[in-house]
Amino acid sequence: MGPVWVGQTSNTSSDLWGVWGSGSSVWIVGGKADPKERTLLLTTNGGTTWGATTYPAGGPLHAVWGSDLAHIYAVGQGGTALFSTNGTTWDKLSGLSTNQDLYGVWGFSANDIYVVGSGGLVLRSGENGQWSVRSPSGLKGDFRCVWGLSANNV
């Protein structure tokens, strides 16, 4: 028999779209179509209690991922892209500039991150913090998530 899932009380009526965690710290992101309905929840005790975390202006978040507890990324509506070094204070992610909706984030390391979104958008960060477009030619559909086995197998 595998792990047992236990229901949690989130204290939000927002839709929840993404989750990432490490140890007993877990983040959940979501919202509603209204950009004012933004949700970023954090537990540091394995889900016993959840608290809302604020972030700079931007739309609802669709995905969250971290390489470790000091490198956490969240992306969402209207090009919202955030970064945190502690999980409670969030800043706009420097160098990533788009108005397209962003739906997924994953990385091989803290310096090698992929972000995907509407219209076939694929972005990749490099060692120098610069973002480059890696969108496949001719694809116009939305990419809703991203995951890989290694930096070159995504």
N, C-alpha and C. Protein backbone atom coordinates (compact mmCIF):
# COMPACT_ATOMS: atom_id res chain seq x y z
N MET A 1 0.84 -1.18 0.00
CA MET A 1 0.00 0.00 0.00
C MET A 1 0.89 1.24 0.00
N GLY A 2 0.56 2.19 -0.84
CA GLY A 2 1.33 3.42 -0.97
C GLY A 2 0.94 4.45 0.07
N PRO A 3 1.43 5.68 -0.13
CA PRO A 3 1.11 6.77 0.80
C PRO A 3 -0.40 7.04 0.85
N VAL A 4 -0.85 7.54 1.96
CA VAL A 4 -2.25 7.87 2.14
C VAL A 4 -2.42 9.38 1.97
N TRP A 5 -3.38 9.78 1.15
CA TRP A 5 -3.68 11.20 0.95
C TRP A 5 -4.66 11.65 2.02
N VAL A 6 -4.41 12.81 2.58
CA VAL A 6 -5.27 13.37 3.62
C VAL A 6 -5.73 14.74 3.17
N GLY A 7 -7.02 15.00 3.27
CA GLY A 7 -7.57 16.31 2.90
C GLY A 7 -7.00 17.42 3.76
N GLN A 8 -6.87 18.61 3.17
CA GLN A 8 -6.35 19.78 3.88
C GLN A 8 -7.35 20.92 3.75
N THR A 9 -7.38 21.80 4.72
CA THR A 9 -8.19 23.00 4.66
C THR A 9 -7.30 24.15 4.20
N SER A 10 -7.63 24.74 3.04
CA SER A 10 -6.78 25.79 2.48
C SER A 10 -7.24 27.20 2.85
N ASN A 11 -8.48 27.33 3.33
CA ASN A 11 -9.05 28.64 3.66
C ASN A 11 -9.11 29.57 2.47
N THR A 12 -9.29 29.02 1.26
CA THR A 12 -9.46 29.84 0.07
C THR A 12 -10.55 29.22 -0.79
N SER A 13 -11.26 30.08 -1.52
CA SER A 13 -12.26 29.59 -2.47
C SER A 13 -11.71 29.65 -3.90
N SER A 14 -10.46 30.05 -4.04
CA SER A 14 -9.83 30.16 -5.36
C SER A 14 -9.54 28.78 -5.94
N ASP A 15 -9.48 28.72 -7.26
CA ASP A 15 -9.02 27.52 -7.93
C ASP A 15 -7.54 27.35 -7.63
N LEU A 16 -7.09 26.13 -7.40
CA LEU A 16 -5.68 25.85 -7.12
C LEU A 16 -5.11 25.07 -8.28
N TRP A 17 -4.00 25.58 -8.87
CA TRP A 17 -3.49 25.04 -10.13
C TRP A 17 -2.11 24.41 -10.04
N GLY A 18 -1.31 24.79 -9.08
CA GLY A 18 0.05 24.26 -9.05
C GLY A 18 0.53 24.04 -7.63
N VAL A 19 1.42 23.05 -7.46
CA VAL A 19 1.96 22.74 -6.15
C VAL A 19 3.42 22.31 -6.29
N TRP A 20 4.24 22.71 -5.34
CA TRP A 20 5.63 22.26 -5.25
C TRP A 20 6.04 22.30 -3.80
N GLY A 21 6.87 21.36 -3.41
CA GLY A 21 7.32 21.35 -2.03
C GLY A 21 8.66 20.68 -1.85
N SER A 22 9.24 20.95 -0.70
CA SER A 22 10.49 20.33 -0.30
C SER A 22 10.44 20.14 1.20
N GLY A 23 10.55 18.89 1.65
CA GLY A 23 10.44 18.62 3.07
C GLY A 23 9.04 18.95 3.56
N SER A 24 8.95 19.68 4.64
CA SER A 24 7.64 20.03 5.18
C SER A 24 7.10 21.36 4.65
N SER A 25 7.86 22.03 3.77
CA SER A 25 7.42 23.29 3.16
C SER A 25 6.79 23.01 1.80
N VAL A 26 5.57 23.50 1.61
CA VAL A 26 4.84 23.28 0.36
C VAL A 26 4.14 24.58 -0.03
N TRP A 27 4.19 24.89 -1.34
CA TRP A 27 3.53 26.06 -1.89
C TRP A 27 2.43 25.60 -2.83
N ILE A 28 1.29 26.28 -2.80
CA ILE A 28 0.20 26.05 -3.73
C ILE A 28 -0.17 27.40 -4.34
N VAL A 29 -0.38 27.40 -5.68
CA VAL A 29 -0.72 28.64 -6.37
C VAL A 29 -2.04 28.49 -7.11
N GLY A 30 -2.70 29.62 -7.37
CA GLY A 30 -3.96 29.60 -8.09
C GLY A 30 -4.58 30.96 -8.16
N GLY A 31 -5.88 30.96 -8.35
CA GLY A 31 -6.63 32.20 -8.47
C GLY A 31 -7.89 31.99 -9.26
N LYS A 32 -8.40 33.07 -9.80
CA LYS A 32 -9.59 33.04 -10.66
C LYS A 32 -9.29 33.91 -11.87
N ALA A 33 -10.24 34.00 -12.79
CA ALA A 33 -10.03 34.79 -14.00
C ALA A 33 -9.77 36.26 -13.69
N ASP A 34 -10.33 36.76 -12.62
CA ASP A 34 -10.11 38.14 -12.20
C ASP A 34 -8.68 38.28 -11.66
N PRO A 35 -7.86 39.16 -12.27
CA PRO A 35 -6.48 39.31 -11.81
C PRO A 35 -6.34 39.66 -10.33
N LYS A 36 -7.40 40.16 -9.71
CA LYS A 36 -7.34 40.49 -8.29
C LYS A 36 -7.48 39.25 -7.41
N GLU A 37 -7.97 38.16 -7.98
CA GLU A 37 -8.15 36.91 -7.25
C GLU A 37 -6.88 36.07 -7.38
N ARG A 38 -5.90 36.36 -6.55
CA ARG A 38 -4.60 35.70 -6.63
C ARG A 38 -4.36 34.89 -5.36
N THR A 39 -3.82 33.69 -5.52
CA THR A 39 -3.61 32.83 -4.37
C THR A 39 -2.19 32.27 -4.39
N LEU A 40 -1.49 32.44 -3.29
CA LEU A 40 -0.18 31.83 -3.06
C LEU A 40 -0.16 31.39 -1.60
N LEU A 41 -0.31 30.09 -1.39
CA LEU A 41 -0.38 29.53 -0.05
C LEU A 41 0.91 28.82 0.31
N LEU A 42 1.26 28.84 1.59
CA LEU A 42 2.48 28.19 2.08
C LEU A 42 2.18 27.48 3.39
N THR A 43 2.69 26.26 3.49
CA THR A 43 2.73 25.56 4.77
C THR A 43 4.19 25.21 5.06
N THR A 44 4.58 25.35 6.29
CA THR A 44 5.93 24.96 6.69
C THR A 44 5.90 23.81 7.69
N ASN A 45 4.69 23.27 7.90
CA ASN A 45 4.55 22.17 8.85
C ASN A 45 3.82 20.97 8.22
N GLY A 46 4.08 20.76 6.94
CA GLY A 46 3.54 19.59 6.27
C GLY A 46 2.04 19.62 6.04
N GLY A 47 1.42 20.80 6.08
CA GLY A 47 0.00 20.93 5.78
C GLY A 47 -0.90 21.05 6.99
N THR A 48 -0.34 21.07 8.19
CA THR A 48 -1.17 21.25 9.38
C THR A 48 -1.87 22.60 9.33
N THR A 49 -1.13 23.64 8.94
CA THR A 49 -1.72 24.97 8.75
C THR A 49 -1.19 25.55 7.44
N TRP A 50 -2.01 26.39 6.82
CA TRP A 50 -1.67 27.07 5.57
C TRP A 50 -1.83 28.56 5.77
N GLY A 51 -0.92 29.34 5.18
CA GLY A 51 -1.03 30.78 5.26
C GLY A 51 -0.90 31.40 3.88
N ALA A 52 -1.61 32.50 3.68
CA ALA A 52 -1.52 33.22 2.40
C ALA A 52 -0.25 34.05 2.39
N THR A 53 0.41 34.06 1.25
CA THR A 53 1.62 34.86 1.04
C THR A 53 1.33 35.87 -0.04
N THR A 54 1.76 37.10 0.15
CA THR A 54 1.52 38.13 -0.86
C THR A 54 2.68 38.18 -1.84
N TYR A 55 2.40 38.75 -3.01
CA TYR A 55 3.45 38.93 -4.01
C TYR A 55 3.18 40.20 -4.80
N PRO A 56 4.22 40.71 -5.50
CA PRO A 56 4.07 41.96 -6.24
C PRO A 56 2.95 41.87 -7.28
N ALA A 57 2.59 43.00 -7.81
CA ALA A 57 1.53 43.07 -8.82
C ALA A 57 1.73 42.01 -9.88
N GLY A 58 0.63 41.51 -10.35
CA GLY A 58 0.63 40.49 -11.39
C GLY A 58 -0.65 39.69 -11.29
N GLY A 59 -0.84 38.80 -12.23
CA GLY A 59 -2.06 38.01 -12.26
C GLY A 59 -1.97 36.78 -11.39
N PRO A 60 -3.04 35.98 -11.42
CA PRO A 60 -3.04 34.71 -10.71
C PRO A 60 -1.91 33.81 -11.21
N LEU A 61 -1.41 32.98 -10.32
CA LEU A 61 -0.30 32.09 -10.65
C LEU A 61 -0.80 30.72 -11.08
N HIS A 62 -0.11 30.12 -12.06
CA HIS A 62 -0.49 28.81 -12.57
C HIS A 62 0.45 27.69 -12.14
N ALA A 63 1.70 28.00 -11.85
CA ALA A 63 2.67 26.94 -11.53
C ALA A 63 3.74 27.47 -10.59
N VAL A 64 4.32 26.56 -9.83
CA VAL A 64 5.41 26.89 -8.91
C VAL A 64 6.40 25.73 -8.92
N TRP A 65 7.69 26.04 -8.84
CA TRP A 65 8.74 25.03 -8.82
C TRP A 65 9.98 25.64 -8.17
N GLY A 66 10.76 24.82 -7.52
CA GLY A 66 12.02 25.28 -6.96
C GLY A 66 13.10 24.24 -7.11
N SER A 67 14.33 24.70 -7.24
CA SER A 67 15.45 23.76 -7.25
C SER A 67 15.84 23.41 -5.81
N ASP A 68 15.51 24.32 -4.90
CA ASP A 68 15.71 24.14 -3.46
C ASP A 68 14.96 25.26 -2.76
N LEU A 69 15.03 25.32 -1.46
CA LEU A 69 14.26 26.32 -0.70
C LEU A 69 14.75 27.74 -0.88
N ALA A 70 15.89 27.94 -1.52
CA ALA A 70 16.43 29.28 -1.75
C ALA A 70 16.27 29.73 -3.20
N HIS A 71 15.66 28.90 -4.04
CA HIS A 71 15.47 29.22 -5.45
C HIS A 71 14.09 28.71 -5.88
N ILE A 72 13.05 29.53 -5.66
CA ILE A 72 11.68 29.13 -5.94
C ILE A 72 11.10 30.09 -6.98
N TYR A 73 10.46 29.51 -7.99
CA TYR A 73 9.92 30.27 -9.12
C TYR A 73 8.42 30.03 -9.22
N ALA A 74 7.66 31.06 -9.59
CA ALA A 74 6.22 30.93 -9.82
C ALA A 74 5.86 31.75 -11.05
N VAL A 75 4.96 31.22 -11.88
CA VAL A 75 4.56 31.90 -13.12
C VAL A 75 3.04 31.89 -13.24
N GLY A 76 2.53 32.86 -14.04
CA GLY A 76 1.08 32.93 -14.18
C GLY A 76 0.58 33.85 -15.27
N GLN A 77 -0.62 34.32 -15.05
CA GLN A 77 -1.39 35.09 -16.02
C GLN A 77 -0.68 36.38 -16.41
N GLY A 78 -0.77 36.73 -17.70
CA GLY A 78 -0.25 38.01 -18.19
C GLY A 78 1.25 38.17 -18.07
N GLY A 79 1.99 37.06 -18.06
CA GLY A 79 3.44 37.14 -17.97
C GLY A 79 3.98 37.28 -16.56
N THR A 80 3.13 37.06 -15.56
CA THR A 80 3.60 37.13 -14.18
C THR A 80 4.68 36.08 -13.95
N ALA A 81 5.84 36.51 -13.51
CA ALA A 81 6.97 35.61 -13.23
C ALA A 81 7.66 36.11 -11.96
N LEU A 82 7.74 35.24 -10.95
CA LEU A 82 8.24 35.63 -9.64
C LEU A 82 9.38 34.72 -9.19
N PHE A 83 10.17 35.23 -8.25
CA PHE A 83 11.30 34.49 -7.69
C PHE A 83 11.37 34.76 -6.19
N SER A 84 11.70 33.72 -5.42
CA SER A 84 11.85 33.88 -3.98
C SER A 84 13.09 33.13 -3.51
N THR A 85 13.78 33.74 -2.56
CA THR A 85 14.94 33.07 -1.95
C THR A 85 14.61 32.49 -0.58
N ASN A 86 13.37 32.74 -0.12
CA ASN A 86 12.99 32.22 1.20
C ASN A 86 11.56 31.68 1.25
N GLY A 87 10.81 31.81 0.16
CA GLY A 87 9.45 31.29 0.10
C GLY A 87 8.38 32.19 0.66
N THR A 88 8.75 33.27 1.30
CA THR A 88 7.75 34.19 1.84
C THR A 88 7.83 35.58 1.21
N THR A 89 8.99 35.98 0.75
CA THR A 89 9.16 37.26 0.07
C THR A 89 9.37 36.98 -1.42
N TRP A 90 8.53 37.58 -2.25
CA TRP A 90 8.57 37.32 -3.70
C TRP A 90 8.88 38.61 -4.44
N ASP A 91 9.70 38.50 -5.48
CA ASP A 91 10.04 39.62 -6.35
C ASP A 91 9.77 39.23 -7.79
N LYS A 92 9.61 40.23 -8.64
CA LYS A 92 9.48 39.94 -10.06
C LYS A 92 10.78 39.30 -10.54
N LEU A 93 10.65 38.30 -11.39
CA LEU A 93 11.80 37.59 -11.93
C LEU A 93 12.47 38.47 -12.98
N SER A 94 13.70 38.87 -12.73
CA SER A 94 14.39 39.78 -13.63
C SER A 94 14.75 39.09 -14.94
N GLY A 95 14.69 39.86 -16.00
CA GLY A 95 15.09 39.37 -17.32
C GLY A 95 14.01 38.68 -18.11
N LEU A 96 12.93 38.23 -17.46
CA LEU A 96 11.86 37.56 -18.18
C LEU A 96 10.74 38.57 -18.42
N SER A 97 10.53 38.91 -19.68
CA SER A 97 9.55 39.94 -20.01
C SER A 97 8.63 39.45 -21.12
N THR A 98 7.37 39.22 -20.78
CA THR A 98 6.36 38.82 -21.74
C THR A 98 4.99 39.17 -21.17
N ASN A 99 4.02 39.36 -22.04
CA ASN A 99 2.64 39.56 -21.61
C ASN A 99 1.81 38.30 -21.79
N GLN A 100 2.43 37.25 -22.34
CA GLN A 100 1.72 36.01 -22.57
C GLN A 100 1.50 35.28 -21.25
N ASP A 101 0.39 34.53 -21.18
CA ASP A 101 0.14 33.72 -19.99
C ASP A 101 1.20 32.64 -19.89
N LEU A 102 1.68 32.42 -18.68
CA LEU A 102 2.70 31.41 -18.41
C LEU A 102 2.06 30.31 -17.58
N TYR A 103 2.21 29.06 -18.03
CA TYR A 103 1.50 27.95 -17.39
C TYR A 103 2.40 26.94 -16.67
N GLY A 104 3.67 26.90 -17.01
CA GLY A 104 4.52 25.89 -16.40
C GLY A 104 5.93 26.39 -16.15
N VAL A 105 6.57 25.84 -15.14
CA VAL A 105 7.96 26.17 -14.83
C VAL A 105 8.63 24.92 -14.28
N TRP A 106 9.85 24.65 -14.75
CA TRP A 106 10.66 23.53 -14.28
C TRP A 106 12.11 23.85 -14.62
N GLY A 107 13.00 23.30 -13.85
CA GLY A 107 14.41 23.52 -14.13
C GLY A 107 15.26 22.32 -13.78
N PHE A 108 16.42 22.30 -14.37
CA PHE A 108 17.40 21.27 -14.05
C PHE A 108 18.23 21.71 -12.85
N SER A 109 18.36 23.02 -12.68
CA SER A 109 19.09 23.59 -11.55
C SER A 109 18.59 25.01 -11.33
N ALA A 110 19.13 25.70 -10.34
CA ALA A 110 18.73 27.07 -10.05
C ALA A 110 19.07 28.02 -11.18
N ASN A 111 20.00 27.63 -12.07
CA ASN A 111 20.43 28.50 -13.16
C ASN A 111 20.01 28.01 -14.54
N ASP A 112 19.20 26.98 -14.59
CA ASP A 112 18.77 26.41 -15.87
C ASP A 112 17.27 26.10 -15.77
N ILE A 113 16.45 27.11 -16.11
CA ILE A 113 15.01 27.06 -15.89
C ILE A 113 14.27 27.14 -17.22
N TYR A 114 13.19 26.38 -17.33
CA TYR A 114 12.29 26.45 -18.48
C TYR A 114 10.95 27.01 -18.01
N VAL A 115 10.36 27.89 -18.83
CA VAL A 115 9.02 28.43 -18.60
C VAL A 115 8.25 28.25 -19.89
N VAL A 116 7.00 27.76 -19.79
CA VAL A 116 6.17 27.55 -20.97
C VAL A 116 4.86 28.29 -20.80
N GLY A 117 4.22 28.59 -21.97
CA GLY A 117 2.97 29.33 -21.88
C GLY A 117 2.15 29.32 -23.14
N SER A 118 1.32 30.35 -23.27
CA SER A 118 0.37 30.44 -24.37
C SER A 118 1.08 30.64 -25.71
N GLY A 119 0.41 30.23 -26.77
CA GLY A 119 0.94 30.42 -28.11
C GLY A 119 2.20 29.64 -28.40
N GLY A 120 2.43 28.53 -27.69
CA GLY A 120 3.62 27.72 -27.92
C GLY A 120 4.89 28.30 -27.34
N LEU A 121 4.76 29.23 -26.41
CA LEU A 121 5.93 29.90 -25.84
C LEU A 121 6.78 28.94 -25.00
N VAL A 122 8.07 28.90 -25.27
CA VAL A 122 9.04 28.18 -24.45
C VAL A 122 10.22 29.12 -24.22
N LEU A 123 10.54 29.38 -22.96
CA LEU A 123 11.67 30.23 -22.60
C LEU A 123 12.64 29.42 -21.75
N ARG A 124 13.93 29.72 -21.89
CA ARG A 124 14.95 29.04 -21.09
C ARG A 124 15.95 30.06 -20.56
N SER A 125 16.27 29.92 -19.27
CA SER A 125 17.29 30.78 -18.69
C SER A 125 18.63 30.08 -18.78
N GLY A 126 19.68 30.86 -18.80
CA GLY A 126 21.02 30.31 -18.85
C GLY A 126 21.81 30.72 -17.63
N GLU A 127 23.07 30.32 -17.59
CA GLU A 127 23.96 30.64 -16.47
C GLU A 127 24.06 32.13 -16.19
N ASN A 128 23.92 32.95 -17.23
CA ASN A 128 24.08 34.39 -17.07
C ASN A 128 22.78 35.09 -16.68
N GLY A 129 21.70 34.33 -16.45
CA GLY A 129 20.43 34.92 -16.07
C GLY A 129 19.62 35.47 -17.22
N GLN A 130 20.14 35.36 -18.43
CA GLN A 130 19.42 35.82 -19.61
C GLN A 130 18.42 34.77 -20.06
N TRP A 131 17.26 35.21 -20.51
CA TRP A 131 16.22 34.31 -21.00
C TRP A 131 16.25 34.30 -22.52
N SER A 132 16.10 33.13 -23.11
CA SER A 132 16.06 33.01 -24.57
C SER A 132 14.80 32.24 -24.97
N VAL A 133 14.28 32.59 -26.14
CA VAL A 133 13.10 31.92 -26.67
C VAL A 133 13.53 30.59 -27.28
N ARG A 134 12.87 29.51 -26.90
CA ARG A 134 13.16 28.17 -27.40
C ARG A 134 11.92 27.53 -28.01
N SER A 135 10.94 28.36 -28.41
CA SER A 135 9.68 27.86 -28.93
C SER A 135 9.89 27.09 -30.23
N PRO A 136 9.29 25.89 -30.33
CA PRO A 136 9.38 25.13 -31.58
C PRO A 136 8.68 25.87 -32.71
N SER A 137 9.26 25.85 -33.87
CA SER A 137 8.72 26.53 -35.04
C SER A 137 7.35 25.96 -35.42
N GLY A 138 6.41 26.84 -35.69
CA GLY A 138 5.10 26.44 -36.19
C GLY A 138 4.08 26.03 -35.16
N LEU A 139 4.46 25.86 -33.91
CA LEU A 139 3.49 25.48 -32.88
C LEU A 139 2.80 26.72 -32.34
N LYS A 140 1.47 26.68 -32.32
CA LYS A 140 0.70 27.83 -31.85
C LYS A 140 -0.14 27.52 -30.62
N GLY A 141 -0.26 26.24 -30.26
CA GLY A 141 -1.05 25.86 -29.10
C GLY A 141 -0.37 26.24 -27.80
N ASP A 142 -1.12 26.16 -26.73
CA ASP A 142 -0.58 26.50 -25.42
C ASP A 142 0.17 25.30 -24.83
N PHE A 143 1.30 25.56 -24.20
CA PHE A 143 1.99 24.55 -23.41
C PHE A 143 1.57 24.78 -21.96
N ARG A 144 1.01 23.76 -21.34
CA ARG A 144 0.45 23.89 -19.99
C ARG A 144 1.39 23.42 -18.88
N CYS A 145 2.41 22.66 -19.21
CA CYS A 145 3.36 22.21 -18.20
C CYS A 145 4.68 21.85 -18.86
N VAL A 146 5.71 21.71 -18.05
CA VAL A 146 7.04 21.35 -18.55
C VAL A 146 7.72 20.50 -17.49
N TRP A 147 8.47 19.49 -17.95
CA TRP A 147 9.23 18.62 -17.07
C TRP A 147 10.30 17.94 -17.88
N GLY A 148 11.36 17.52 -17.24
CA GLY A 148 12.43 16.86 -17.97
C GLY A 148 13.21 15.90 -17.10
N LEU A 149 14.07 15.14 -17.78
CA LEU A 149 14.96 14.21 -17.10
C LEU A 149 16.34 14.82 -16.84
N SER A 150 16.69 15.78 -17.71
CA SER A 150 17.99 16.46 -17.60
C SER A 150 17.87 17.79 -18.32
N ALA A 151 18.94 18.57 -18.29
CA ALA A 151 18.93 19.89 -18.93
C ALA A 151 18.69 19.79 -20.43
N ASN A 152 19.11 18.72 -21.05
CA ASN A 152 18.95 18.57 -22.50
C ASN A 152 17.93 17.53 -22.88
N ASN A 153 17.11 17.11 -21.94
CA ASN A 153 16.05 16.14 -22.21
C ASN A 153 14.78 16.62 -21.55
N VAL A 154 14.17 17.66 -22.16
CA VAL A 154 12.99 18.32 -21.59
C VAL A 154 11.79 18.05 -22.46
